[in-house]
Every structure is written in structure tokens, then in C-alpha cells.
Amino acid sequence: MSDVKFQQNHTLGLPKARELAKKWAEGPAQKMGLSCTHTEGADEDTIAFERSGINGTMKVTGTSFDIDIKLGMMMKAFKPMIEAEISKGFGRMIDKASGTDQA
């Protein structure tokens, strides 16, 4: 069972969502020390990620990003912060990609 479940709906379509997911895996995920593996599919991509104390997957479709994360014992204390950062980061990323970024 996941410790953190997050879903962010969007209207970007799969090609743009795939591009954003790749940027996340190459940027913010690496900065957090996550090792990522990206698998492309016809209708859905999967990014598997892990580091000490964290492992999870992100399913990328034309209409949503679905994230499931399993936290190790020491990382469970950071669950609220992790949830907040995911929500804020993906919201900002999607807003910017769709042209609704206010910054």
C-alpha cells in the first residue's frame, strides 16, 4: 500500500505530459536524489523512481499524472512535506505548460 497517493488531472495530452514527466525525471527528481526509469507506452508512460527510503511510480496519461510512493520508516515523518511539494510542483509545472502560469 502506498504512503503517498497523488493525482493531478490535466488537459495537455500525452505528448506534452510525456515531455513534462521527462523534464521532471531529469530535473527535480535528480535534485532529490531519485534514480528514475522511464517506460513509454501507447496510451500511458510509467516512471519508476527510487532512492534510499523512497520508491514509487508515476503513471502519465493524456489526462493525468498518478503518483504512488512508498516511504521507508525514516521518511514517513516527512510525508506532509512530500505531499505538499508534489502538489505545488506539479500544479506549477502544468500551469506553465498550459499557459496559465501566473508568475
N, C-alpha and C. Protein backbone atom coordinates (compact mmCIF):
# COMPACT_ATOMS: atom_id res chain seq x y z
N MET A 1 0.84 -1.19 0.00
CA MET A 1 0.00 0.00 0.00
C MET A 1 0.88 1.25 0.00
N SER A 2 0.47 2.24 -0.74
CA SER A 2 1.22 3.48 -0.86
C SER A 2 1.06 4.34 0.38
N ASP A 3 2.12 5.05 0.70
CA ASP A 3 2.06 6.03 1.79
C ASP A 3 1.60 7.38 1.26
N VAL A 4 1.94 7.67 0.01
CA VAL A 4 1.54 8.93 -0.62
C VAL A 4 0.90 8.58 -1.96
N LYS A 5 -0.32 9.02 -2.15
CA LYS A 5 -1.00 8.88 -3.44
C LYS A 5 -1.38 10.29 -3.88
N PHE A 6 -1.08 10.58 -5.13
CA PHE A 6 -1.36 11.92 -5.64
C PHE A 6 -1.83 11.79 -7.08
N GLN A 7 -2.88 12.51 -7.42
CA GLN A 7 -3.35 12.55 -8.80
C GLN A 7 -3.54 14.01 -9.19
N GLN A 8 -2.98 14.35 -10.35
CA GLN A 8 -3.14 15.70 -10.90
C GLN A 8 -3.71 15.55 -12.30
N ASN A 9 -4.94 15.99 -12.48
CA ASN A 9 -5.56 15.95 -13.80
C ASN A 9 -5.05 17.12 -14.64
N HIS A 10 -5.08 16.93 -15.95
CA HIS A 10 -4.63 17.98 -16.87
C HIS A 10 -5.31 17.80 -18.22
N THR A 11 -5.13 18.76 -19.09
CA THR A 11 -5.69 18.71 -20.44
C THR A 11 -4.59 18.84 -21.48
N LEU A 12 -3.39 18.43 -21.16
CA LEU A 12 -2.23 18.62 -22.02
C LEU A 12 -2.11 17.59 -23.14
N GLY A 13 -2.70 16.43 -22.98
CA GLY A 13 -2.50 15.33 -23.93
C GLY A 13 -1.22 14.58 -23.59
N LEU A 14 -1.12 13.35 -24.10
CA LEU A 14 0.02 12.51 -23.75
C LEU A 14 1.37 13.03 -24.22
N PRO A 15 1.52 13.54 -25.44
CA PRO A 15 2.85 14.01 -25.85
C PRO A 15 3.41 15.11 -24.94
N LYS A 16 2.60 16.09 -24.59
CA LYS A 16 3.06 17.17 -23.71
C LYS A 16 3.27 16.66 -22.28
N ALA A 17 2.37 15.80 -21.80
CA ALA A 17 2.53 15.23 -20.46
C ALA A 17 3.80 14.39 -20.38
N ARG A 18 4.08 13.65 -21.44
CA ARG A 18 5.30 12.82 -21.51
C ARG A 18 6.53 13.72 -21.42
N GLU A 19 6.50 14.83 -22.15
CA GLU A 19 7.61 15.79 -22.14
C GLU A 19 7.83 16.35 -20.72
N LEU A 20 6.74 16.72 -20.05
CA LEU A 20 6.85 17.24 -18.68
C LEU A 20 7.40 16.19 -17.72
N ALA A 21 6.93 14.95 -17.87
CA ALA A 21 7.40 13.87 -17.00
C ALA A 21 8.90 13.64 -17.19
N LYS A 22 9.36 13.69 -18.42
CA LYS A 22 10.79 13.53 -18.68
C LYS A 22 11.59 14.67 -18.06
N LYS A 23 11.07 15.90 -18.17
CA LYS A 23 11.75 17.05 -17.55
C LYS A 23 11.80 16.89 -16.04
N TRP A 24 10.71 16.38 -15.45
CA TRP A 24 10.70 16.15 -14.00
C TRP A 24 11.76 15.12 -13.62
N ALA A 25 11.84 14.04 -14.38
CA ALA A 25 12.80 12.97 -14.08
C ALA A 25 14.25 13.43 -14.23
N GLU A 26 14.48 14.35 -15.17
CA GLU A 26 15.84 14.84 -15.42
C GLU A 26 16.21 16.04 -14.55
N GLY A 27 15.24 16.69 -13.93
CA GLY A 27 15.50 17.88 -13.13
C GLY A 27 15.19 17.68 -11.66
N PRO A 28 13.96 18.04 -11.25
CA PRO A 28 13.62 17.96 -9.83
C PRO A 28 13.86 16.58 -9.20
N ALA A 29 13.56 15.52 -9.92
CA ALA A 29 13.76 14.18 -9.35
C ALA A 29 15.23 13.92 -9.07
N GLN A 30 16.10 14.31 -9.99
CA GLN A 30 17.54 14.12 -9.78
C GLN A 30 18.04 14.97 -8.63
N LYS A 31 17.51 16.19 -8.50
CA LYS A 31 17.91 17.06 -7.39
C LYS A 31 17.54 16.45 -6.04
N MET A 32 16.47 15.65 -6.02
CA MET A 32 16.05 14.96 -4.79
C MET A 32 16.78 13.64 -4.61
N GLY A 33 17.70 13.33 -5.51
CA GLY A 33 18.47 12.10 -5.39
C GLY A 33 17.74 10.86 -5.88
N LEU A 34 16.68 11.05 -6.65
CA LEU A 34 15.91 9.92 -7.16
C LEU A 34 16.53 9.36 -8.43
N SER A 35 16.60 8.06 -8.51
CA SER A 35 17.01 7.38 -9.73
C SER A 35 15.74 7.00 -10.46
N CYS A 36 15.60 7.41 -11.73
CA CYS A 36 14.36 7.22 -12.48
C CYS A 36 14.56 6.32 -13.70
N THR A 37 13.52 5.53 -13.98
CA THR A 37 13.47 4.72 -15.18
C THR A 37 12.16 5.04 -15.88
N HIS A 38 12.24 5.46 -17.15
CA HIS A 38 11.06 5.88 -17.90
C HIS A 38 10.71 4.82 -18.94
N THR A 39 9.46 4.36 -18.92
CA THR A 39 8.98 3.38 -19.89
C THR A 39 7.80 3.99 -20.64
N GLU A 40 7.93 4.14 -21.95
CA GLU A 40 6.86 4.71 -22.76
C GLU A 40 5.92 3.61 -23.24
N GLY A 41 4.63 3.95 -23.25
CA GLY A 41 3.61 3.06 -23.78
C GLY A 41 2.75 3.80 -24.78
N ALA A 42 1.86 3.08 -25.43
CA ALA A 42 0.99 3.71 -26.44
C ALA A 42 0.03 4.70 -25.81
N ASP A 43 -0.55 4.35 -24.66
CA ASP A 43 -1.55 5.20 -24.00
C ASP A 43 -1.12 5.72 -22.64
N GLU A 44 0.00 5.19 -22.13
CA GLU A 44 0.43 5.53 -20.78
C GLU A 44 1.93 5.29 -20.65
N ASP A 45 2.61 6.21 -19.98
CA ASP A 45 4.01 6.04 -19.65
C ASP A 45 4.12 5.77 -18.16
N THR A 46 5.21 5.14 -17.76
CA THR A 46 5.47 4.90 -16.34
C THR A 46 6.89 5.36 -16.04
N ILE A 47 7.01 6.13 -14.97
CA ILE A 47 8.32 6.48 -14.46
C ILE A 47 8.43 5.85 -13.09
N ALA A 48 9.37 4.93 -12.96
CA ALA A 48 9.66 4.31 -11.67
C ALA A 48 10.82 5.09 -11.07
N PHE A 49 10.74 5.38 -9.77
CA PHE A 49 11.80 6.15 -9.13
C PHE A 49 12.10 5.58 -7.75
N GLU A 50 13.36 5.77 -7.33
CA GLU A 50 13.76 5.27 -6.02
C GLU A 50 15.01 5.98 -5.52
N ARG A 51 15.16 5.90 -4.24
CA ARG A 51 16.37 6.30 -3.52
C ARG A 51 16.23 5.68 -2.15
N SER A 52 17.18 5.82 -1.34
CA SER A 52 17.11 5.24 0.00
C SER A 52 15.89 5.79 0.74
N GLY A 53 14.99 4.92 1.15
CA GLY A 53 13.82 5.33 1.92
C GLY A 53 12.60 5.71 1.11
N ILE A 54 12.72 5.73 -0.23
CA ILE A 54 11.60 6.12 -1.09
C ILE A 54 11.62 5.26 -2.35
N ASN A 55 10.46 4.74 -2.72
CA ASN A 55 10.32 4.17 -4.06
C ASN A 55 8.89 4.37 -4.50
N GLY A 56 8.73 4.53 -5.80
CA GLY A 56 7.38 4.77 -6.29
C GLY A 56 7.30 4.78 -7.80
N THR A 57 6.10 5.09 -8.27
CA THR A 57 5.85 5.17 -9.70
C THR A 57 4.99 6.38 -10.02
N MET A 58 5.17 6.88 -11.22
CA MET A 58 4.30 7.92 -11.75
C MET A 58 3.74 7.38 -13.06
N LYS A 59 2.42 7.30 -13.14
CA LYS A 59 1.74 6.92 -14.37
C LYS A 59 1.37 8.22 -15.08
N VAL A 60 1.72 8.31 -16.34
CA VAL A 60 1.49 9.52 -17.13
C VAL A 60 0.53 9.18 -18.26
N THR A 61 -0.61 9.84 -18.28
CA THR A 61 -1.57 9.64 -19.37
C THR A 61 -1.86 10.99 -20.02
N GLY A 62 -2.71 10.97 -21.01
CA GLY A 62 -3.09 12.20 -21.68
C GLY A 62 -3.96 13.10 -20.84
N THR A 63 -4.44 12.60 -19.68
CA THR A 63 -5.33 13.39 -18.83
C THR A 63 -4.91 13.48 -17.37
N SER A 64 -3.87 12.73 -16.96
CA SER A 64 -3.48 12.80 -15.54
C SER A 64 -2.07 12.30 -15.29
N PHE A 65 -1.56 12.74 -14.15
CA PHE A 65 -0.34 12.21 -13.55
C PHE A 65 -0.79 11.52 -12.28
N ASP A 66 -0.49 10.24 -12.13
CA ASP A 66 -0.86 9.48 -10.93
C ASP A 66 0.42 9.00 -10.27
N ILE A 67 0.63 9.43 -9.03
CA ILE A 67 1.86 9.12 -8.32
C ILE A 67 1.54 8.28 -7.10
N ASP A 68 2.29 7.18 -6.94
CA ASP A 68 2.20 6.31 -5.77
C ASP A 68 3.60 6.18 -5.19
N ILE A 69 3.72 6.50 -3.90
CA ILE A 69 5.04 6.47 -3.26
C ILE A 69 4.97 5.64 -1.99
N LYS A 70 5.96 4.78 -1.82
CA LYS A 70 6.13 4.01 -0.59
C LYS A 70 7.31 4.62 0.15
N LEU A 71 7.07 5.03 1.38
CA LEU A 71 8.10 5.66 2.20
C LEU A 71 8.69 4.67 3.19
N GLY A 72 9.99 4.73 3.36
CA GLY A 72 10.65 3.94 4.39
C GLY A 72 10.37 4.54 5.76
N MET A 73 10.72 3.80 6.79
CA MET A 73 10.45 4.20 8.17
C MET A 73 10.91 5.63 8.48
N MET A 74 12.11 5.97 8.09
CA MET A 74 12.66 7.29 8.42
C MET A 74 12.01 8.41 7.62
N MET A 75 11.49 8.10 6.44
CA MET A 75 10.89 9.12 5.58
C MET A 75 9.43 9.40 5.91
N LYS A 76 8.78 8.53 6.68
CA LYS A 76 7.37 8.70 7.00
C LYS A 76 7.10 10.02 7.72
N ALA A 77 8.07 10.48 8.48
CA ALA A 77 7.91 11.76 9.21
C ALA A 77 7.79 12.95 8.25
N PHE A 78 8.31 12.79 7.03
CA PHE A 78 8.29 13.87 6.04
C PHE A 78 7.09 13.79 5.10
N LYS A 79 6.16 12.89 5.35
CA LYS A 79 5.02 12.68 4.46
C LYS A 79 4.25 13.98 4.15
N PRO A 80 3.87 14.79 5.14
CA PRO A 80 3.13 16.02 4.82
C PRO A 80 3.92 16.98 3.92
N MET A 81 5.21 17.08 4.16
CA MET A 81 6.05 17.96 3.35
C MET A 81 6.16 17.40 1.93
N ILE A 82 6.32 16.10 1.78
CA ILE A 82 6.41 15.47 0.46
C ILE A 82 5.13 15.69 -0.32
N GLU A 83 3.98 15.47 0.33
CA GLU A 83 2.69 15.68 -0.33
C GLU A 83 2.52 17.12 -0.79
N ALA A 84 2.89 18.07 0.06
CA ALA A 84 2.75 19.49 -0.28
C ALA A 84 3.66 19.87 -1.46
N GLU A 85 4.88 19.37 -1.45
CA GLU A 85 5.82 19.69 -2.53
C GLU A 85 5.37 19.09 -3.86
N ILE A 86 4.85 17.88 -3.83
CA ILE A 86 4.36 17.25 -5.06
C ILE A 86 3.20 18.06 -5.62
N SER A 87 2.25 18.40 -4.78
CA SER A 87 1.08 19.15 -5.22
C SER A 87 1.48 20.50 -5.81
N LYS A 88 2.31 21.22 -5.09
CA LYS A 88 2.74 22.54 -5.54
C LYS A 88 3.55 22.45 -6.82
N GLY A 89 4.50 21.51 -6.87
CA GLY A 89 5.38 21.37 -8.02
C GLY A 89 4.65 20.97 -9.29
N PHE A 90 3.76 19.98 -9.19
CA PHE A 90 3.04 19.55 -10.38
C PHE A 90 2.01 20.58 -10.82
N GLY A 91 1.38 21.24 -9.87
CA GLY A 91 0.44 22.30 -10.23
C GLY A 91 1.12 23.40 -11.01
N ARG A 92 2.28 23.82 -10.54
CA ARG A 92 3.07 24.87 -11.20
C ARG A 92 3.53 24.42 -12.58
N MET A 93 4.01 23.19 -12.67
CA MET A 93 4.52 22.66 -13.93
C MET A 93 3.41 22.60 -14.99
N ILE A 94 2.23 22.15 -14.59
CA ILE A 94 1.11 22.05 -15.53
C ILE A 94 0.61 23.43 -15.92
N ASP A 95 0.51 24.34 -14.97
CA ASP A 95 0.09 25.71 -15.27
C ASP A 95 1.03 26.35 -16.30
N LYS A 96 2.32 26.16 -16.11
CA LYS A 96 3.30 26.74 -17.01
C LYS A 96 3.17 26.13 -18.41
N ALA A 97 3.00 24.81 -18.48
CA ALA A 97 2.88 24.13 -19.77
C ALA A 97 1.60 24.48 -20.52
N SER A 98 0.54 24.77 -19.76
CA SER A 98 -0.73 25.09 -20.40
C SER A 98 -0.92 26.58 -20.62
N GLY A 99 0.06 27.38 -20.21
CA GLY A 99 -0.01 28.82 -20.43
C GLY A 99 -0.83 29.58 -19.42
N THR A 100 -1.15 28.96 -18.28
CA THR A 100 -1.93 29.64 -17.25
C THR A 100 -1.07 30.04 -16.06
N ASP A 101 0.25 29.96 -16.21
CA ASP A 101 1.18 30.34 -15.14
C ASP A 101 1.03 31.81 -14.82
N GLN A 102 0.85 32.12 -13.55
CA GLN A 102 0.65 33.49 -13.11
C GLN A 102 1.95 34.22 -12.81
N ALA A 103 3.07 33.47 -12.74
CA ALA A 103 4.35 34.10 -12.40
C ALA A 103 5.04 34.71 -13.59
